[in-house]
């Protein structure tokens, strides 16, 4: 990844728009992009968000039995510190009443900065109850798990190739192109 004058250049798959974007950044030009998701993807934004939410649910459901999920802010921070190259997705989850929790927002800011620095895709998830249902949100002792941060990692011996993960990663990339570095997804009930 290259940095130029405090700006981050995201890794892009080579399309004519990407080549134009990179060329402009290398020359010091900064483009204002007012394109919507409809214009970039050709499909309705609501439909796309629903499609990405379903893909995210598929990713979580397939990663869980493989042991590729790390749950909790503290556990995620430890995992990111030990092996950031193994992390393929970071989820930051809150409910409306927790949005104003200053300590939690500080944790999120630090995790977001680390993920951006290490090219890890990030999503905000707004339905913690559904996230807990998908991940079985209760520890063996009956204590609820900290669902505020969830990491999805590669399986131990292989790189994870999953169409649902590819769809989520594409959504994150498209969001970054539109300067939305941490898009928000609402998991359907």
C-alpha atoms as a PDB file:
ATOM      1  CA  UNK A   1       0.000   0.000   0.000  1.00  0.00           C
ATOM      2  CA  UNK A   2       1.284   3.478  -0.861  1.00  0.00           C
ATOM      3  CA  UNK A   3       0.672   6.580   1.175  1.00  0.00           C
ATOM      4  CA  UNK A   4       0.829  10.045  -0.314  1.00  0.00           C
ATOM      5  CA  UNK A   5       0.467  13.249   1.663  1.00  0.00           C
ATOM      6  CA  UNK A   6      -1.540  11.585   4.413  1.00  0.00           C
ATOM      7  CA  UNK A   7      -3.979   9.886   2.011  1.00  0.00           C
ATOM      8  CA  UNK A   8      -4.419   6.163   1.724  1.00  0.00           C
ATOM      9  CA  UNK A   9      -4.524   4.443  -1.652  1.00  0.00           C
ATOM     10  CA  UNK A  10      -6.675   1.333  -1.509  1.00  0.00           C
ATOM     11  CA  UNK A  11      -5.720  -1.818  -3.403  1.00  0.00           C
ATOM     12  CA  UNK A  12      -8.008  -2.050  -6.417  1.00  0.00           C
ATOM     13  CA  UNK A  13      -8.702  -4.608  -9.078  1.00  0.00           C
ATOM     14  CA  UNK A  14      -7.644  -3.156 -12.400  1.00  0.00           C
ATOM     15  CA  UNK A  15     -10.556  -1.623 -14.269  1.00  0.00           C
ATOM     16  CA  UNK A  16     -10.461   1.514 -16.379  1.00  0.00           C
ATOM     17  CA  UNK A  17     -11.902   3.519 -13.451  1.00  0.00           C
ATOM     18  CA  UNK A  18      -9.265   2.136 -11.112  1.00  0.00           C
ATOM     19  CA  UNK A  19      -6.440   3.008 -13.484  1.00  0.00           C
ATOM     20  CA  UNK A  20      -7.830   6.537 -13.833  1.00  0.00           C
ATOM     21  CA  UNK A  21      -8.183   6.881 -10.057  1.00  0.00           C
ATOM     22  CA  UNK A  22      -4.666   5.646  -9.335  1.00  0.00           C
ATOM     23  CA  UNK A  23      -3.214   7.786 -12.115  1.00  0.00           C
ATOM     24  CA  UNK A  24      -4.897  10.888 -10.711  1.00  0.00           C
ATOM     25  CA  UNK A  25      -3.690  10.136  -7.180  1.00  0.00           C
ATOM     26  CA  UNK A  26      -0.122   9.614  -8.402  1.00  0.00           C
ATOM     27  CA  UNK A  27      -0.223  13.004 -10.115  1.00  0.00           C
ATOM     28  CA  UNK A  28      -1.574  14.672  -6.978  1.00  0.00           C
ATOM     29  CA  UNK A  29      -5.128  15.230  -8.277  1.00  0.00           C
ATOM     30  CA  UNK A  30      -8.015  14.537  -5.993  1.00  0.00           C
ATOM     31  CA  UNK A  31     -11.315  13.642  -7.626  1.00  0.00           C
ATOM     32  CA  UNK A  32     -14.693  14.329  -6.123  1.00  0.00           C
ATOM     33  CA  UNK A  33     -16.811  11.245  -6.688  1.00  0.00           C
ATOM     34  CA  UNK A  34     -20.521  11.718  -6.187  1.00  0.00           C
ATOM     35  CA  UNK A  35     -21.574   8.358  -7.582  1.00  0.00           C
ATOM     36  CA  UNK A  36     -24.138   6.349  -5.699  1.00  0.00           C
ATOM     37  CA  UNK A  37     -24.168   2.592  -5.132  1.00  0.00           C
ATOM     38  CA  UNK A  38     -26.811   2.368  -7.866  1.00  0.00           C
ATOM     39  CA  UNK A  39     -24.456   4.003 -10.346  1.00  0.00           C
ATOM     40  CA  UNK A  40     -21.481   1.842  -9.418  1.00  0.00           C
ATOM     41  CA  UNK A  41     -23.237  -1.489  -9.114  1.00  0.00           C
ATOM     42  CA  UNK A  42     -26.213  -1.152 -11.407  1.00  0.00           C
ATOM     43  CA  UNK A  43     -28.644  -2.475  -8.800  1.00  0.00           C
ATOM     44  CA  UNK A  44     -30.941  -0.911  -6.229  1.00  0.00           C
ATOM     45  CA  UNK A  45     -29.107   0.192  -3.073  1.00  0.00           C
ATOM     46  CA  UNK A  46     -31.650  -1.415  -0.726  1.00  0.00           C
ATOM     47  CA  UNK A  47     -31.479  -4.682  -2.638  1.00  0.00           C
ATOM     48  CA  UNK A  48     -27.697  -4.561  -2.557  1.00  0.00           C
ATOM     49  CA  UNK A  49     -27.623  -3.916   1.198  1.00  0.00           C
ATOM     50  CA  UNK A  50     -29.990  -6.864   1.749  1.00  0.00           C
ATOM     51  CA  UNK A  51     -27.841  -9.028  -0.510  1.00  0.00           C
ATOM     52  CA  UNK A  52     -24.659  -8.081   1.374  1.00  0.00           C
ATOM     53  CA  UNK A  53     -26.373  -8.685   4.736  1.00  0.00           C
ATOM     54  CA  UNK A  54     -27.352 -12.189   3.599  1.00  0.00           C
ATOM     55  CA  UNK A  55     -23.820 -12.798   2.332  1.00  0.00           C
ATOM     56  CA  UNK A  56     -22.431 -11.643   5.683  1.00  0.00           C
ATOM     57  CA  UNK A  57     -24.728 -14.078   7.471  1.00  0.00           C
ATOM     58  CA  UNK A  58     -23.482 -16.883   5.181  1.00  0.00           C
ATOM     59  CA  UNK A  59     -19.869 -15.935   5.938  1.00  0.00           C
ATOM     60  CA  UNK A  60     -20.486 -16.037   9.677  1.00  0.00           C
ATOM     61  CA  UNK A  61     -22.403 -19.326   9.490  1.00  0.00           C
ATOM     62  CA  UNK A  62     -19.626 -21.010   7.498  1.00  0.00           C
ATOM     63  CA  UNK A  63     -16.771 -19.520   9.552  1.00  0.00           C
ATOM     64  CA  UNK A  64     -18.191 -20.507  12.933  1.00  0.00           C
ATOM     65  CA  UNK A  65     -17.858 -24.318  12.635  1.00  0.00           C
ATOM     66  CA  UNK A  66     -14.340 -23.865  11.195  1.00  0.00           C
ATOM     67  CA  UNK A  67     -13.230 -21.975  14.315  1.00  0.00           C
ATOM     68  CA  UNK A  68     -12.569 -18.836  12.263  1.00  0.00           C
ATOM     69  CA  UNK A  69     -14.452 -16.409  14.517  1.00  0.00           C
ATOM     70  CA  UNK A  70     -12.998 -14.275  17.306  1.00  0.00           C
ATOM     71  CA  UNK A  71     -15.599 -12.552  19.485  1.00  0.00           C
ATOM     72  CA  UNK A  72     -15.070  -9.637  21.873  1.00  0.00           C
ATOM     73  CA  UNK A  73     -13.195  -6.339  21.817  1.00  0.00           C
ATOM     74  CA  UNK A  74     -10.322  -7.549  24.006  1.00  0.00           C
ATOM     75  CA  UNK A  75      -9.997 -10.924  22.238  1.00  0.00           C
ATOM     76  CA  UNK A  76     -10.126  -9.209  18.824  1.00  0.00           C
ATOM     77  CA  UNK A  77      -7.411  -6.738  19.833  1.00  0.00           C
ATOM     78  CA  UNK A  78      -5.182  -9.621  20.959  1.00  0.00           C
ATOM     79  CA  UNK A  79      -5.796 -11.521  17.715  1.00  0.00           C
ATOM     80  CA  UNK A  80      -5.141  -8.431  15.579  1.00  0.00           C
ATOM     81  CA  UNK A  81      -1.886  -7.816  17.426  1.00  0.00           C
ATOM     82  CA  UNK A  82      -0.662 -11.411  17.030  1.00  0.00           C
ATOM     83  CA  UNK A  83      -1.650 -12.182  13.422  1.00  0.00           C
ATOM     84  CA  UNK A  84      -3.317  -9.341  11.462  1.00  0.00           C
ATOM     85  CA  UNK A  85      -2.543 -10.990   8.101  1.00  0.00           C
ATOM     86  CA  UNK A  86      -4.880 -13.863   8.963  1.00  0.00           C
ATOM     87  CA  UNK A  87      -7.915 -11.594   9.545  1.00  0.00           C
ATOM     88  CA  UNK A  88     -10.237 -11.294   6.525  1.00  0.00           C
ATOM     89  CA  UNK A  89     -13.071  -9.227   8.033  1.00  0.00           C
ATOM     90  CA  UNK A  90     -13.764  -7.124  11.129  1.00  0.00           C
ATOM     91  CA  UNK A  91     -17.290  -6.446  12.366  1.00  0.00           C
ATOM     92  CA  UNK A  92     -18.036  -3.658  14.840  1.00  0.00           C
ATOM     93  CA  UNK A  93     -21.506  -4.025  16.321  1.00  0.00           C
ATOM     94  CA  UNK A  94     -23.654  -1.682  18.380  1.00  0.00           C
ATOM     95  CA  UNK A  95     -27.271  -1.130  19.187  1.00  0.00           C
ATOM     96  CA  UNK A  96     -28.802   2.353  19.242  1.00  0.00           C
ATOM     97  CA  UNK A  97     -28.466   2.720  23.016  1.00  0.00           C
ATOM     98  CA  UNK A  98     -24.725   1.942  22.858  1.00  0.00           C
ATOM     99  CA  UNK A  99     -23.841   4.472  20.156  1.00  0.00           C
ATOM    100  CA  UNK A 100     -23.043   7.094  22.795  1.00  0.00           C
ATOM    101  CA  UNK A 101     -20.827   4.804  24.914  1.00  0.00           C
ATOM    102  CA  UNK A 102     -17.570   6.788  24.814  1.00  0.00           C
ATOM    103  CA  UNK A 103     -15.319   3.916  25.917  1.00  0.00           C
ATOM    104  CA  UNK A 104     -16.745   1.638  23.251  1.00  0.00           C
ATOM    105  CA  UNK A 105     -16.321   4.315  20.563  1.00  0.00           C
ATOM    106  CA  UNK A 106     -12.664   4.754  21.577  1.00  0.00           C
ATOM    107  CA  UNK A 107     -12.136   0.993  21.196  1.00  0.00           C
ATOM    108  CA  UNK A 108     -13.842   1.109  17.802  1.00  0.00           C
ATOM    109  CA  UNK A 109     -11.694   4.022  16.650  1.00  0.00           C
ATOM    110  CA  UNK A 110      -8.495   2.193  17.573  1.00  0.00           C
ATOM    111  CA  UNK A 111      -9.629  -1.062  15.942  1.00  0.00           C
ATOM    112  CA  UNK A 112     -10.737   0.803  12.787  1.00  0.00           C
ATOM    113  CA  UNK A 113      -7.372   2.552  12.544  1.00  0.00           C
ATOM    114  CA  UNK A 114      -5.515  -0.730  12.925  1.00  0.00           C
ATOM    115  CA  UNK A 115      -7.718  -2.457  10.334  1.00  0.00           C
ATOM    116  CA  UNK A 116      -7.299   0.389   7.829  1.00  0.00           C
ATOM    117  CA  UNK A 117      -3.535   0.323   8.317  1.00  0.00           C
ATOM    118  CA  UNK A 118      -3.464  -3.448   7.696  1.00  0.00           C
ATOM    119  CA  UNK A 119      -5.959  -3.567   4.783  1.00  0.00           C
ATOM    120  CA  UNK A 120      -8.609  -5.460   6.743  1.00  0.00           C
ATOM    121  CA  UNK A 121     -12.194  -4.917   5.609  1.00  0.00           C
ATOM    122  CA  UNK A 122     -14.475  -3.444   8.281  1.00  0.00           C
ATOM    123  CA  UNK A 123     -18.259  -3.377   8.600  1.00  0.00           C
ATOM    124  CA  UNK A 124     -20.486  -1.826  11.247  1.00  0.00           C
ATOM    125  CA  UNK A 125     -23.377  -4.105  12.182  1.00  0.00           C
ATOM    126  CA  UNK A 126     -26.493  -2.556  13.670  1.00  0.00           C
ATOM    127  CA  UNK A 127     -28.488  -5.614  14.777  1.00  0.00           C
ATOM    128  CA  UNK A 128     -26.552  -7.115  17.699  1.00  0.00           C
ATOM    129  CA  UNK A 129     -29.411  -9.415  18.683  1.00  0.00           C
ATOM    130  CA  UNK A 130     -29.317 -11.091  15.260  1.00  0.00           C
ATOM    131  CA  UNK A 131     -25.505 -11.237  15.347  1.00  0.00           C
ATOM    132  CA  UNK A 132     -25.713 -13.004  18.722  1.00  0.00           C
ATOM    133  CA  UNK A 133     -28.255 -15.478  17.304  1.00  0.00           C
ATOM    134  CA  UNK A 134     -25.982 -16.320  14.379  1.00  0.00           C
ATOM    135  CA  UNK A 135     -22.903 -16.773  16.564  1.00  0.00           C
ATOM    136  CA  UNK A 136     -24.612 -18.468  19.520  1.00  0.00           C
ATOM    137  CA  UNK A 137     -24.038 -15.452  21.767  1.00  0.00           C
ATOM    138  CA  UNK A 138     -23.855 -17.208  25.139  1.00  0.00           C
ATOM    139  CA  UNK A 139     -20.652 -18.541  26.730  1.00  0.00           C
ATOM    140  CA  UNK A 140     -20.703 -22.084  28.156  1.00  0.00           C
ATOM    141  CA  UNK A 141     -21.419 -20.732  31.688  1.00  0.00           C
ATOM    142  CA  UNK A 142     -24.562 -18.944  30.497  1.00  0.00           C
ATOM    143  CA  UNK A 143     -22.832 -15.542  30.430  1.00  0.00           C
ATOM    144  CA  UNK A 144     -23.545 -13.361  27.350  1.00  0.00           C
ATOM    145  CA  UNK A 145     -20.593 -12.799  25.015  1.00  0.00           C
ATOM    146  CA  UNK A 146     -19.204  -9.389  24.074  1.00  0.00           C
ATOM    147  CA  UNK A 147     -20.494  -9.080  20.490  1.00  0.00           C
ATOM    148  CA  UNK A 148     -19.161  -5.557  19.931  1.00  0.00           C
ATOM    149  CA  UNK A 149     -16.239  -6.774  17.847  1.00  0.00           C
ATOM    150  CA  UNK A 150     -16.114  -9.925  15.738  1.00  0.00           C
ATOM    151  CA  UNK A 151     -13.179 -10.997  13.580  1.00  0.00           C
ATOM    152  CA  UNK A 152     -13.386 -13.512  10.762  1.00  0.00           C
ATOM    153  CA  UNK A 153     -10.056 -15.223  10.082  1.00  0.00           C
ATOM    154  CA  UNK A 154      -8.713 -17.658   7.511  1.00  0.00           C
ATOM    155  CA  UNK A 155      -8.834 -21.362   8.418  1.00  0.00           C
ATOM    156  CA  UNK A 156      -5.555 -22.652   9.878  1.00  0.00           C
ATOM    157  CA  UNK A 157      -4.097 -24.360   6.816  1.00  0.00           C
ATOM    158  CA  UNK A 158      -5.767 -22.712   3.819  1.00  0.00           C
ATOM    159  CA  UNK A 159      -6.816 -19.389   2.413  1.00  0.00           C
ATOM    160  CA  UNK A 160     -10.566 -19.047   2.562  1.00  0.00           C
ATOM    161  CA  UNK A 161     -12.292 -18.863  -0.832  1.00  0.00           C
ATOM    162  CA  UNK A 162     -15.998 -18.205  -0.389  1.00  0.00           C
ATOM    163  CA  UNK A 163     -18.364 -16.421  -2.821  1.00  0.00           C
ATOM    164  CA  UNK A 164     -20.226 -14.825   0.101  1.00  0.00           C
ATOM    165  CA  UNK A 165     -16.962 -13.463   1.534  1.00  0.00           C
ATOM    166  CA  UNK A 166     -16.039 -12.168  -1.932  1.00  0.00           C
ATOM    167  CA  UNK A 167     -19.378 -10.338  -2.100  1.00  0.00           C
ATOM    168  CA  UNK A 168     -18.836  -8.734   1.323  1.00  0.00           C
ATOM    169  CA  UNK A 169     -15.258  -7.769   0.408  1.00  0.00           C
ATOM    170  CA  UNK A 170     -16.443  -6.235  -2.881  1.00  0.00           C
ATOM    171  CA  UNK A 171     -19.034  -4.209  -0.974  1.00  0.00           C
ATOM    172  CA  UNK A 172     -16.330  -2.948   1.405  1.00  0.00           C
ATOM    173  CA  UNK A 173     -14.088  -2.032  -1.537  1.00  0.00           C
ATOM    174  CA  UNK A 174     -16.909  -0.200  -3.310  1.00  0.00           C
ATOM    175  CA  UNK A 175     -17.676   1.678  -0.093  1.00  0.00           C
ATOM    176  CA  UNK A 176     -14.039   2.783   0.247  1.00  0.00           C
ATOM    177  CA  UNK A 177     -14.090   4.083  -3.333  1.00  0.00           C
ATOM    178  CA  UNK A 178     -17.025   6.267  -2.257  1.00  0.00           C
ATOM    179  CA  UNK A 179     -15.058   7.392   0.855  1.00  0.00           C
ATOM    180  CA  UNK A 180     -17.217   5.372   3.220  1.00  0.00           C
ATOM    181  CA  UNK A 181     -14.474   3.444   5.011  1.00  0.00           C
ATOM    182  CA  UNK A 182     -16.743   1.685   7.507  1.00  0.00           C
ATOM    183  CA  UNK A 183     -20.109   0.901   5.874  1.00  0.00           C
ATOM    184  CA  UNK A 184     -23.085  -0.044   8.039  1.00  0.00           C
ATOM    185  CA  UNK A 185     -25.045  -3.262   7.504  1.00  0.00           C
ATOM    186  CA  UNK A 186     -28.267  -4.165   9.265  1.00  0.00           C
ATOM    187  CA  UNK A 187     -28.590  -7.940   9.658  1.00  0.00           C
ATOM    188  CA  UNK A 188     -32.136  -9.011   8.809  1.00  0.00           C
ATOM    189  CA  UNK A 189     -34.249 -10.651  11.515  1.00  0.00           C
END
